[in-house]
PDB file of N, CA and C in Angstrom:
ATOM      1  N   MET A   1      19.266  43.115 -13.491  1.00  0.00           N
ATOM      2  CA  MET A   1      19.966  42.088 -13.202  1.00  0.00           C
ATOM      3  C   MET A   1      21.490  42.093 -14.011  1.00  0.00           C
ATOM      4  N   CYS A   2      22.446  41.817 -13.366  1.00  0.00           N
ATOM      5  CA  CYS A   2      23.755  41.771 -14.102  1.00  0.00           C
ATOM      6  C   CYS A   2      24.372  40.276 -14.165  1.00  0.00           C
ATOM      7  N   ILE A   3      24.785  40.028 -15.261  1.00  0.00           N
ATOM      8  CA  ILE A   3      25.319  38.635 -15.574  1.00  0.00           C
ATOM      9  C   ILE A   3      26.958  38.836 -15.878  1.00  0.00           C
ATOM     10  N   ALA A   4      27.754  38.118 -15.234  1.00  0.00           N
ATOM     11  CA  ALA A   4      29.104  37.989 -15.495  1.00  0.00           C
ATOM     12  C   ALA A   4      29.328  36.652 -16.124  1.00  0.00           C
ATOM     13  N   VAL A   5      30.123  36.622 -17.148  1.00  0.00           N
ATOM     14  CA  VAL A   5      30.316  35.506 -18.037  1.00  0.00           C
ATOM     15  C   VAL A   5      31.821  34.930 -17.824  1.00  0.00           C
ATOM     16  N   PRO A   6      32.002  33.624 -17.518  1.00  0.00           N
ATOM     17  CA  PRO A   6      33.306  33.101 -17.359  1.00  0.00           C
ATOM     18  C   PRO A   6      34.143  33.050 -18.619  1.00  0.00           C
ATOM     19  N   ALA A   7      35.398  33.404 -18.605  1.00  0.00           N
ATOM     20  CA  ALA A   7      36.225  33.377 -19.790  1.00  0.00           C
ATOM     21  C   ALA A   7      37.691  33.080 -19.245  1.00  0.00           C
ATOM     22  N   GLU A   8      38.317  32.415 -20.344  1.00  0.00           N
ATOM     23  CA  GLU A   8      39.794  31.937 -20.093  1.00  0.00           C
ATOM     24  C   GLU A   8      40.685  33.001 -20.678  1.00  0.00           C
ATOM     25  N   VAL A   9      41.780  33.478 -20.036  1.00  0.00           N
ATOM     26  CA  VAL A   9      42.660  34.541 -20.500  1.00  0.00           C
ATOM     27  C   VAL A   9      43.512  33.759 -21.384  1.00  0.00           C
ATOM     28  N   LEU A  10      43.639  34.268 -22.761  1.00  0.00           N
ATOM     29  CA  LEU A  10      44.470  33.698 -23.738  1.00  0.00           C
ATOM     30  C   LEU A  10      45.859  34.414 -23.882  1.00  0.00           C
ATOM     31  N   GLU A  11      45.704  35.776 -23.753  1.00  0.00           N
ATOM     32  CA  GLU A  11      46.787  36.686 -24.037  1.00  0.00           C
ATOM     33  C   GLU A  11      46.639  37.962 -23.214  1.00  0.00           C
ATOM     34  N   ILE A  12      47.677  38.500 -22.608  1.00  0.00           N
ATOM     35  CA  ILE A  12      47.677  39.693 -21.960  1.00  0.00           C
ATOM     36  C   ILE A  12      48.403  40.796 -22.918  1.00  0.00           C
ATOM     37  N   LYS A  13      47.699  41.971 -23.060  1.00  0.00           N
ATOM     38  CA  LYS A  13      48.257  43.032 -23.912  1.00  0.00           C
ATOM     39  C   LYS A  13      48.262  44.354 -23.195  1.00  0.00           C
ATOM     40  N   ASP A  14      49.348  45.053 -23.279  1.00  0.00           N
ATOM     41  CA  ASP A  14      49.591  46.344 -22.781  1.00  0.00           C
ATOM     42  C   ASP A  14      49.317  46.508 -21.337  1.00  0.00           C
ATOM     43  N   GLY A  15      49.452  45.352 -20.688  1.00  0.00           N
ATOM     44  CA  GLY A  15      49.404  45.326 -19.076  1.00  0.00           C
ATOM     45  C   GLY A  15      47.969  45.471 -18.599  1.00  0.00           C
ATOM     46  N   ASN A  16      47.055  45.991 -19.292  1.00  0.00           N
ATOM     47  CA  ASN A  16      45.713  46.155 -18.700  1.00  0.00           C
ATOM     48  C   ASN A  16      44.592  45.659 -19.627  1.00  0.00           C
ATOM     49  N   LYS A  17      45.041  44.935 -20.652  1.00  0.00           N
ATOM     50  CA  LYS A  17      43.938  44.392 -21.629  1.00  0.00           C
ATOM     51  C   LYS A  17      44.347  42.946 -21.712  1.00  0.00           C
ATOM     52  N   ALA A  18      43.393  42.139 -21.960  1.00  0.00           N
ATOM     53  CA  ALA A  18      43.585  40.700 -22.225  1.00  0.00           C
ATOM     54  C   ALA A  18      42.572  40.219 -23.347  1.00  0.00           C
ATOM     55  N   VAL A  19      43.039  39.219 -24.102  1.00  0.00           N
ATOM     56  CA  VAL A  19      42.037  38.518 -24.960  1.00  0.00           C
ATOM     57  C   VAL A  19      41.599  37.219 -24.269  1.00  0.00           C
ATOM     58  N   VAL A  20      40.330  37.132 -24.102  1.00  0.00           N
ATOM     59  CA  VAL A  20      39.683  36.064 -23.448  1.00  0.00           C
ATOM     60  C   VAL A  20      38.773  35.260 -24.413  1.00  0.00           C
ATOM     61  N   ASP A  21      38.652  34.109 -23.928  1.00  0.00           N
ATOM     62  CA  ASP A  21      37.840  33.012 -24.782  1.00  0.00           C
ATOM     63  C   ASP A  21      36.654  32.633 -23.769  1.00  0.00           C
ATOM     64  N   TYR A  22      35.453  32.766 -24.501  1.00  0.00           N
ATOM     65  CA  TYR A  22      34.229  32.373 -23.618  1.00  0.00           C
ATOM     66  C   TYR A  22      33.827  30.915 -23.916  1.00  0.00           C
ATOM     67  N   GLY A  23      34.507  30.287 -24.845  1.00  0.00           N
ATOM     68  CA  GLY A  23      34.277  28.901 -25.119  1.00  0.00           C
ATOM     69  C   GLY A  23      33.962  28.831 -26.764  1.00  0.00           C
ATOM     70  N   ASN A  24      33.347  29.894 -27.299  1.00  0.00           N
ATOM     71  CA  ASN A  24      33.118  29.961 -28.732  1.00  0.00           C
ATOM     72  C   ASN A  24      33.346  31.276 -29.281  1.00  0.00           C
ATOM     73  N   LEU A  25      33.805  32.238 -28.505  1.00  0.00           N
ATOM     74  CA  LEU A  25      33.984  33.582 -28.914  1.00  0.00           C
ATOM     75  C   LEU A  25      35.201  34.181 -28.162  1.00  0.00           C
ATOM     76  N   GLN A  26      36.041  34.904 -28.850  1.00  0.00           N
ATOM     77  CA  GLN A  26      37.046  35.613 -28.218  1.00  0.00           C
ATOM     78  C   GLN A  26      36.846  37.100 -28.340  1.00  0.00           C
ATOM     79  N   GLN A  27      37.408  37.779 -27.283  1.00  0.00           N
ATOM     80  CA  GLN A  27      37.132  39.241 -27.131  1.00  0.00           C
ATOM     81  C   GLN A  27      38.232  39.746 -26.354  1.00  0.00           C
ATOM     82  N   GLU A  28      38.581  41.102 -26.637  1.00  0.00           N
ATOM     83  CA  GLU A  28      39.435  41.823 -25.799  1.00  0.00           C
ATOM     84  C   GLU A  28      38.649  42.579 -24.594  1.00  0.00           C
ATOM     85  N   VAL A  29      39.252  42.277 -23.440  1.00  0.00           N
ATOM     86  CA  VAL A  29      38.601  42.828 -22.291  1.00  0.00           C
ATOM     87  C   VAL A  29      39.634  43.584 -21.414  1.00  0.00           C
ATOM     88  N   ARG A  30      39.097  44.533 -20.384  1.00  0.00           N
ATOM     89  CA  ARG A  30      40.027  45.217 -19.481  1.00  0.00           C
ATOM     90  C   ARG A  30      40.286  44.338 -18.384  1.00  0.00           C
ATOM     91  N   ILE A  31      41.587  44.362 -17.837  1.00  0.00           N
ATOM     92  CA  ILE A  31      41.941  43.531 -16.666  1.00  0.00           C
ATOM     93  C   ILE A  31      42.378  44.482 -15.522  1.00  0.00           C
ATOM     94  N   ASP A  32      41.949  45.740 -15.487  1.00  0.00           N
ATOM     95  CA  ASP A  32      42.424  46.527 -14.509  1.00  0.00           C
ATOM     96  C   ASP A  32      42.132  46.105 -13.005  1.00  0.00           C
ATOM     97  N   LEU A  33      40.982  45.540 -13.062  1.00  0.00           N
ATOM     98  CA  LEU A  33      40.429  45.236 -11.711  1.00  0.00           C
ATOM     99  C   LEU A  33      40.908  43.910 -11.054  1.00  0.00           C
ATOM    100  N   VAL A  34      41.677  43.115 -11.884  1.00  0.00           N
ATOM    101  CA  VAL A  34      42.133  41.795 -11.336  1.00  0.00           C
ATOM    102  C   VAL A  34      43.590  41.579 -11.653  1.00  0.00           C
ATOM    103  N   ASP A  35      44.270  40.948 -10.882  1.00  0.00           N
ATOM    104  CA  ASP A  35      45.521  40.452 -11.154  1.00  0.00           C
ATOM    105  C   ASP A  35      45.516  39.037 -11.875  1.00  0.00           C
ATOM    106  N   VAL A  36      45.750  38.774 -13.103  1.00  0.00           N
ATOM    107  CA  VAL A  36      45.489  37.588 -13.757  1.00  0.00           C
ATOM    108  C   VAL A  36      46.641  37.203 -14.521  1.00  0.00           C
ATOM    109  N   ASN A  37      46.634  35.968 -14.877  1.00  0.00           N
ATOM    110  CA  ASN A  37      47.713  35.540 -15.919  1.00  0.00           C
ATOM    111  C   ASN A  37      47.196  34.749 -16.918  1.00  0.00           C
ATOM    112  N   VAL A  38      47.856  34.413 -18.042  1.00  0.00           N
ATOM    113  CA  VAL A  38      47.225  33.545 -19.165  1.00  0.00           C
ATOM    114  C   VAL A  38      47.005  32.158 -18.562  1.00  0.00           C
ATOM    115  N   GLY A  39      45.868  31.679 -18.997  1.00  0.00           N
ATOM    116  CA  GLY A  39      45.538  30.314 -18.572  1.00  0.00           C
ATOM    117  C   GLY A  39      44.451  30.350 -17.402  1.00  0.00           C
ATOM    118  N   GLU A  40      44.381  31.505 -16.755  1.00  0.00           N
ATOM    119  CA  GLU A  40      43.484  31.626 -15.740  1.00  0.00           C
ATOM    120  C   GLU A  40      42.019  31.995 -16.167  1.00  0.00           C
ATOM    121  N   PHE A  41      41.022  31.813 -15.400  1.00  0.00           N
ATOM    122  CA  PHE A  41      39.698  32.241 -15.718  1.00  0.00           C
ATOM    123  C   PHE A  41      39.260  33.399 -14.888  1.00  0.00           C
ATOM    124  N   VAL A  42      38.450  34.187 -15.611  1.00  0.00           N
ATOM    125  CA  VAL A  42      37.917  35.302 -14.914  1.00  0.00           C
ATOM    126  C   VAL A  42      36.337  35.500 -15.203  1.00  0.00           C
ATOM    127  N   LEU A  43      35.733  36.259 -14.395  1.00  0.00           N
ATOM    128  CA  LEU A  43      34.340  36.581 -14.703  1.00  0.00           C
ATOM    129  C   LEU A  43      34.326  37.939 -15.389  1.00  0.00           C
ATOM    130  N   VAL A  44      33.672  37.989 -16.679  1.00  0.00           N
ATOM    131  CA  VAL A  44      33.689  39.251 -17.370  1.00  0.00           C
ATOM    132  C   VAL A  44      32.362  39.825 -17.221  1.00  0.00           C
ATOM    133  N   HIS A  45      32.186  41.139 -17.115  1.00  0.00           N
ATOM    134  CA  HIS A  45      31.053  41.892 -17.070  1.00  0.00           C
ATOM    135  C   HIS A  45      31.276  43.279 -17.824  1.00  0.00           C
ATOM    136  N   VAL A  46      30.490  43.513 -18.820  1.00  0.00           N
ATOM    137  CA  VAL A  46      30.440  44.740 -19.687  1.00  0.00           C
ATOM    138  C   VAL A  46      31.944  45.063 -20.030  1.00  0.00           C
ATOM    139  N   GLY A  47      32.678  44.072 -20.527  1.00  0.00           N
ATOM    140  CA  GLY A  47      34.099  44.291 -20.940  1.00  0.00           C
ATOM    141  C   GLY A  47      35.197  44.332 -19.858  1.00  0.00           C
ATOM    142  N   PHE A  48      34.771  44.210 -18.678  1.00  0.00           N
ATOM    143  CA  PHE A  48      35.808  44.161 -17.586  1.00  0.00           C
ATOM    144  C   PHE A  48      36.014  42.824 -16.960  1.00  0.00           C
ATOM    145  N   ALA A  49      37.089  42.249 -16.798  1.00  0.00           N
ATOM    146  CA  ALA A  49      37.203  41.091 -15.859  1.00  0.00           C
ATOM    147  C   ALA A  49      37.164  41.611 -14.374  1.00  0.00           C
ATOM    148  N   ILE A  50      36.148  41.110 -13.683  1.00  0.00           N
ATOM    149  CA  ILE A  50      35.868  41.634 -12.359  1.00  0.00           C
ATOM    150  C   ILE A  50      36.328  40.728 -11.239  1.00  0.00           C
ATOM    151  N   GLN A  51      36.570  39.331 -11.458  1.00  0.00           N
ATOM    152  CA  GLN A  51      36.977  38.435 -10.461  1.00  0.00           C
ATOM    153  C   GLN A  51      37.564  37.375 -11.115  1.00  0.00           C
ATOM    154  N   LYS A  52      38.588  36.685 -10.418  1.00  0.00           N
ATOM    155  CA  LYS A  52      39.256  35.365 -10.879  1.00  0.00           C
ATOM    156  C   LYS A  52      38.350  34.283 -10.514  1.00  0.00           C
ATOM    157  N   LEU A  53      38.353  33.219 -11.159  1.00  0.00           N
ATOM    158  CA  LEU A  53      37.585  32.095 -10.986  1.00  0.00           C
ATOM    159  C   LEU A  53      38.323  30.880 -11.250  1.00  0.00           C
ATOM    160  N   SER A  54      37.984  29.755 -10.370  1.00  0.00           N
ATOM    161  CA  SER A  54      38.758  28.544 -10.676  1.00  0.00           C
ATOM    162  C   SER A  54      38.276  27.846 -11.909  1.00  0.00           C
ATOM    163  N   ARG A  55      39.220  27.006 -12.514  1.00  0.00           N
ATOM    164  CA  ARG A  55      38.814  26.425 -13.845  1.00  0.00           C
ATOM    165  C   ARG A  55      37.605  25.558 -13.648  1.00  0.00           C
ATOM    166  N   GLU A  56      37.597  24.810 -12.622  1.00  0.00           N
ATOM    167  CA  GLU A  56      36.320  23.984 -12.343  1.00  0.00           C
ATOM    168  C   GLU A  56      35.184  24.791 -12.268  1.00  0.00           C
ATOM    169  N   ASP A  57      35.055  25.899 -11.437  1.00  0.00           N
ATOM    170  CA  ASP A  57      33.809  26.760 -11.385  1.00  0.00           C
ATOM    171  C   ASP A  57      33.566  27.319 -12.744  1.00  0.00           C
ATOM    172  N   ALA A  58      34.462  27.757 -13.412  1.00  0.00           N
ATOM    173  CA  ALA A  58      34.307  28.534 -14.767  1.00  0.00           C
ATOM    174  C   ALA A  58      33.570  27.329 -15.731  1.00  0.00           C
ATOM    175  N   LEU A  59      34.141  26.313 -15.935  1.00  0.00           N
ATOM    176  CA  LEU A  59      33.524  25.232 -16.704  1.00  0.00           C
ATOM    177  C   LEU A  59      32.112  24.791 -16.354  1.00  0.00           C
ATOM    178  N   GLN A  60      32.055  24.679 -14.955  1.00  0.00           N
ATOM    179  CA  GLN A  60      30.662  24.298 -14.516  1.00  0.00           C
ATOM    180  C   GLN A  60      29.606  25.340 -14.784  1.00  0.00           C
ATOM    181  N   THR A  61      30.042  26.740 -14.676  1.00  0.00           N
ATOM    182  CA  THR A  61      29.134  27.815 -15.003  1.00  0.00           C
ATOM    183  C   THR A  61      28.867  27.780 -16.565  1.00  0.00           C
ATOM    184  N   ARG A  62      29.840  27.650 -17.433  1.00  0.00           N
ATOM    185  CA  ARG A  62      29.606  27.532 -18.830  1.00  0.00           C
ATOM    186  C   ARG A  62      28.571  26.443 -19.131  1.00  0.00           C
ATOM    187  N   GLN A  63      28.655  25.329 -18.581  1.00  0.00           N
ATOM    188  CA  GLN A  63      27.769  24.174 -18.725  1.00  0.00           C
ATOM    189  C   GLN A  63      26.289  24.630 -18.304  1.00  0.00           C
ATOM    190  N   ILE A  64      26.181  25.312 -17.117  1.00  0.00           N
ATOM    191  CA  ILE A  64      24.890  25.747 -16.705  1.00  0.00           C
ATOM    192  C   ILE A  64      24.224  26.757 -17.763  1.00  0.00           C
ATOM    193  N   PHE A  65      25.070  27.648 -18.374  1.00  0.00           N
ATOM    194  CA  PHE A  65      24.616  28.539 -19.318  1.00  0.00           C
ATOM    195  C   PHE A  65      24.098  27.753 -20.660  1.00  0.00           C
ATOM    196  N   LYS A  66      24.846  26.760 -20.862  1.00  0.00           N
ATOM    197  CA  LYS A  66      24.365  26.070 -22.204  1.00  0.00           C
ATOM    198  C   LYS A  66      23.079  25.446 -21.961  1.00  0.00           C
ATOM    199  N   GLU A  67      22.922  24.727 -20.718  1.00  0.00           N
ATOM    200  CA  GLU A  67      21.682  24.071 -20.308  1.00  0.00           C
ATOM    201  C   GLU A  67      20.476  25.168 -20.280  1.00  0.00           C
ATOM    202  N   VAL A  68      20.792  26.233 -19.794  1.00  0.00           N
ATOM    203  CA  VAL A  68      19.743  27.280 -19.752  1.00  0.00           C
ATOM    204  C   VAL A  68      19.246  27.769 -21.293  1.00  0.00           C
ATOM    205  N   TYR A  69      20.376  28.117 -22.056  1.00  0.00           N
ATOM    206  CA  TYR A  69      20.097  28.533 -23.457  1.00  0.00           C
ATOM    207  C   TYR A  69      19.332  27.458 -24.225  1.00  0.00           C
ATOM    208  N   ALA A  70      19.765  26.083 -23.859  1.00  0.00           N
ATOM    209  CA  ALA A  70      18.987  24.950 -24.762  1.00  0.00           C
ATOM    210  C   ALA A  70      17.625  24.845 -24.304  1.00  0.00           C
ATOM    211  N   ALA A  71      17.318  25.077 -23.092  1.00  0.00           N
ATOM    212  CA  ALA A  71      15.971  24.973 -22.501  1.00  0.00           C
ATOM    213  C   ALA A  71      15.150  26.211 -23.143  1.00  0.00           C
ATOM    214  N   MET A  72      15.810  27.324 -23.314  1.00  0.00           N
ATOM    215  CA  MET A  72      15.092  28.409 -23.762  1.00  0.00           C
ATOM    216  C   MET A  72      14.650  28.263 -25.211  1.00  0.00           C
ATOM    217  N   GLU A  73      15.358  27.623 -25.913  1.00  0.00           N
ATOM    218  CA  GLU A  73      15.183  27.372 -27.322  1.00  0.00           C
ATOM    219  C   GLU A  73      14.105  26.277 -27.590  1.00  0.00           C
ATOM    220  N   GLU A  74      13.682  25.506 -26.557  1.00  0.00           N
ATOM    221  CA  GLU A  74      12.688  24.440 -26.743  1.00  0.00           C
ATOM    222  C   GLU A  74      11.427  24.935 -26.941  1.00  0.00           C
TER     223      GLU A  74
END
């Protein structure tokens, strides 16, 4: 099973890399597969942004992940 995690693009570097924020972690990822701008959300899988995502969908997915992790800790 593969999981892609929603992240917000904070900065674009060198045309094919971006710094993204997952909500509590920032990371540099490749953006070769999507046409994206600062402030937009993407799904990230193994270091690659693979799809653009609406802000609403991204924040909703983050919330679902938080709920799942909280349930796993119980």
